[in-house]
Amino acid sequence: MGEQIKILAKGIILDTPIEIELNHALAKTGDQQIHIQSDNFRFEIDKKDYIKYAMSILVAAKNLKNLKRIS
């Protein structure tokens, strides 16, 4: 586990508080890590993959709003 750099976001999903953390890489040549975690679970992903998934979600949300004609 890498050392925490900062907390990127906090929120609540299904009445459970979660945090999204940016962490140092596990190895000197590795990518920084993103941890999405709560008291019940922990999801760890490389920063570059997290950015890809986050951008995909933003594009999907925009497309849905366009299809539904929501501002």
C-alpha atoms as a PDB file:
ATOM      1  CA  MET A   1       0.000   0.000   0.000  1.00  0.00           C
ATOM      2  CA  GLY A   2       1.291   3.409  -0.941  1.00  0.00           C
ATOM      3  CA  GLU A   3       1.330   6.353   1.411  1.00  0.00           C
ATOM      4  CA  GLN A   4      -1.655   8.710   1.126  1.00  0.00           C
ATOM      5  CA  ILE A   5      -1.015  11.988  -0.713  1.00  0.00           C
ATOM      6  CA  LYS A   6      -4.484  13.508  -0.281  1.00  0.00           C
ATOM      7  CA  ILE A   7      -8.189  12.795  -0.137  1.00  0.00           C
ATOM      8  CA  LEU A   8      -9.735  13.622  -3.511  1.00  0.00           C
ATOM      9  CA  ALA A   9     -13.388  13.290  -2.512  1.00  0.00           C
ATOM     10  CA  LYS A  10     -15.755  12.134   0.202  1.00  0.00           C
ATOM     11  CA  GLY A  11     -19.315  10.998  -0.293  1.00  0.00           C
ATOM     12  CA  ILE A  12     -22.074   8.625   0.710  1.00  0.00           C
ATOM     13  CA  ILE A  13     -23.229   5.589  -1.276  1.00  0.00           C
ATOM     14  CA  LEU A  14     -26.132   3.510   0.053  1.00  0.00           C
ATOM     15  CA  ASP A  15     -25.897   5.273   3.443  1.00  0.00           C
ATOM     16  CA  THR A  16     -22.193   4.367   3.704  1.00  0.00           C
ATOM     17  CA  PRO A  17     -19.494   7.063   3.844  1.00  0.00           C
ATOM     18  CA  ILE A  18     -16.747   6.579   1.229  1.00  0.00           C
ATOM     19  CA  GLU A  19     -13.461   8.301   0.443  1.00  0.00           C
ATOM     20  CA  ILE A  20     -11.437   8.526  -2.748  1.00  0.00           C
ATOM     21  CA  GLU A  21      -7.730   8.870  -1.962  1.00  0.00           C
ATOM     22  CA  LEU A  22      -4.659   9.562  -4.069  1.00  0.00           C
ATOM     23  CA  ASN A  23      -1.690   7.476  -2.910  1.00  0.00           C
ATOM     24  CA  HIS A  24       1.962   7.205  -3.848  1.00  0.00           C
ATOM     25  CA  ALA A  25       2.986   4.397  -6.192  1.00  0.00           C
ATOM     26  CA  LEU A  26       3.836   1.016  -4.746  1.00  0.00           C
ATOM     27  CA  ALA A  27       7.155   0.941  -6.640  1.00  0.00           C
ATOM     28  CA  LYS A  28       9.466   3.742  -7.781  1.00  0.00           C
ATOM     29  CA  THR A  29       8.565   3.169 -11.441  1.00  0.00           C
ATOM     30  CA  GLY A  30       4.874   2.519 -10.789  1.00  0.00           C
ATOM     31  CA  ASP A  31       1.804   4.690 -11.239  1.00  0.00           C
ATOM     32  CA  GLN A  32       0.128   6.507  -8.361  1.00  0.00           C
ATOM     33  CA  GLN A  33      -2.781   4.618  -6.834  1.00  0.00           C
ATOM     34  CA  ILE A  34      -6.397   5.608  -6.275  1.00  0.00           C
ATOM     35  CA  HIS A  35      -8.206   3.999  -3.345  1.00  0.00           C
ATOM     36  CA  ILE A  36     -11.995   4.082  -3.224  1.00  0.00           C
ATOM     37  CA  GLN A  37     -12.850   2.827   0.230  1.00  0.00           C
ATOM     38  CA  SER A  38     -15.276   2.653   3.109  1.00  0.00           C
ATOM     39  CA  ASP A  39     -15.442   0.649   6.309  1.00  0.00           C
ATOM     40  CA  ASN A  40     -16.899  -2.264   4.290  1.00  0.00           C
ATOM     41  CA  PHE A  41     -14.789  -2.349   1.123  1.00  0.00           C
ATOM     42  CA  ARG A  42     -11.680  -1.088  -0.628  1.00  0.00           C
ATOM     43  CA  PHE A  43     -11.065  -0.738  -4.377  1.00  0.00           C
ATOM     44  CA  GLU A  44      -7.524   0.020  -5.547  1.00  0.00           C
ATOM     45  CA  ILE A  45      -6.726   1.129  -9.096  1.00  0.00           C
ATOM     46  CA  ASP A  46      -3.857   2.801 -10.973  1.00  0.00           C
ATOM     47  CA  LYS A  47      -4.329   6.532 -11.519  1.00  0.00           C
ATOM     48  CA  LYS A  48      -4.244   6.244 -15.321  1.00  0.00           C
ATOM     49  CA  ASP A  49      -7.005   3.604 -15.281  1.00  0.00           C
ATOM     50  CA  TYR A  50      -9.070   5.648 -12.795  1.00  0.00           C
ATOM     51  CA  ILE A  51      -8.907   8.649 -15.135  1.00  0.00           C
ATOM     52  CA  LYS A  52     -10.090   6.496 -18.073  1.00  0.00           C
ATOM     53  CA  TYR A  53     -13.063   5.169 -16.075  1.00  0.00           C
ATOM     54  CA  ALA A  54     -13.936   8.601 -14.691  1.00  0.00           C
ATOM     55  CA  MET A  55     -13.901  10.164 -18.170  1.00  0.00           C
ATOM     56  CA  SER A  56     -16.084   7.340 -19.511  1.00  0.00           C
ATOM     57  CA  ILE A  57     -18.647   7.984 -16.775  1.00  0.00           C
ATOM     58  CA  LEU A  58     -18.670  11.727 -17.494  1.00  0.00           C
ATOM     59  CA  VAL A  59     -19.178  11.120 -21.225  1.00  0.00           C
ATOM     60  CA  ALA A  60     -21.962   8.615 -20.514  1.00  0.00           C
ATOM     61  CA  ALA A  61     -23.716  11.108 -18.204  1.00  0.00           C
ATOM     62  CA  LYS A  62     -23.487  13.820 -20.862  1.00  0.00           C
ATOM     63  CA  ASN A  63     -24.862  11.474 -23.535  1.00  0.00           C
ATOM     64  CA  LEU A  64     -27.753  10.418 -21.299  1.00  0.00           C
ATOM     65  CA  LYS A  65     -28.649  14.052 -20.616  1.00  0.00           C
ATOM     66  CA  ASN A  66     -28.570  14.775 -24.353  1.00  0.00           C
ATOM     67  CA  LEU A  67     -30.792  11.762 -25.130  1.00  0.00           C
ATOM     68  CA  LYS A  68     -33.275  12.690 -22.407  1.00  0.00           C
ATOM     69  CA  ARG A  69     -33.021  16.402 -23.268  1.00  0.00           C
ATOM     70  CA  ILE A  70     -32.078  17.281 -19.679  1.00  0.00           C
ATOM     71  CA  SER A  71     -30.031  20.425 -19.024  1.00  0.00           C
END
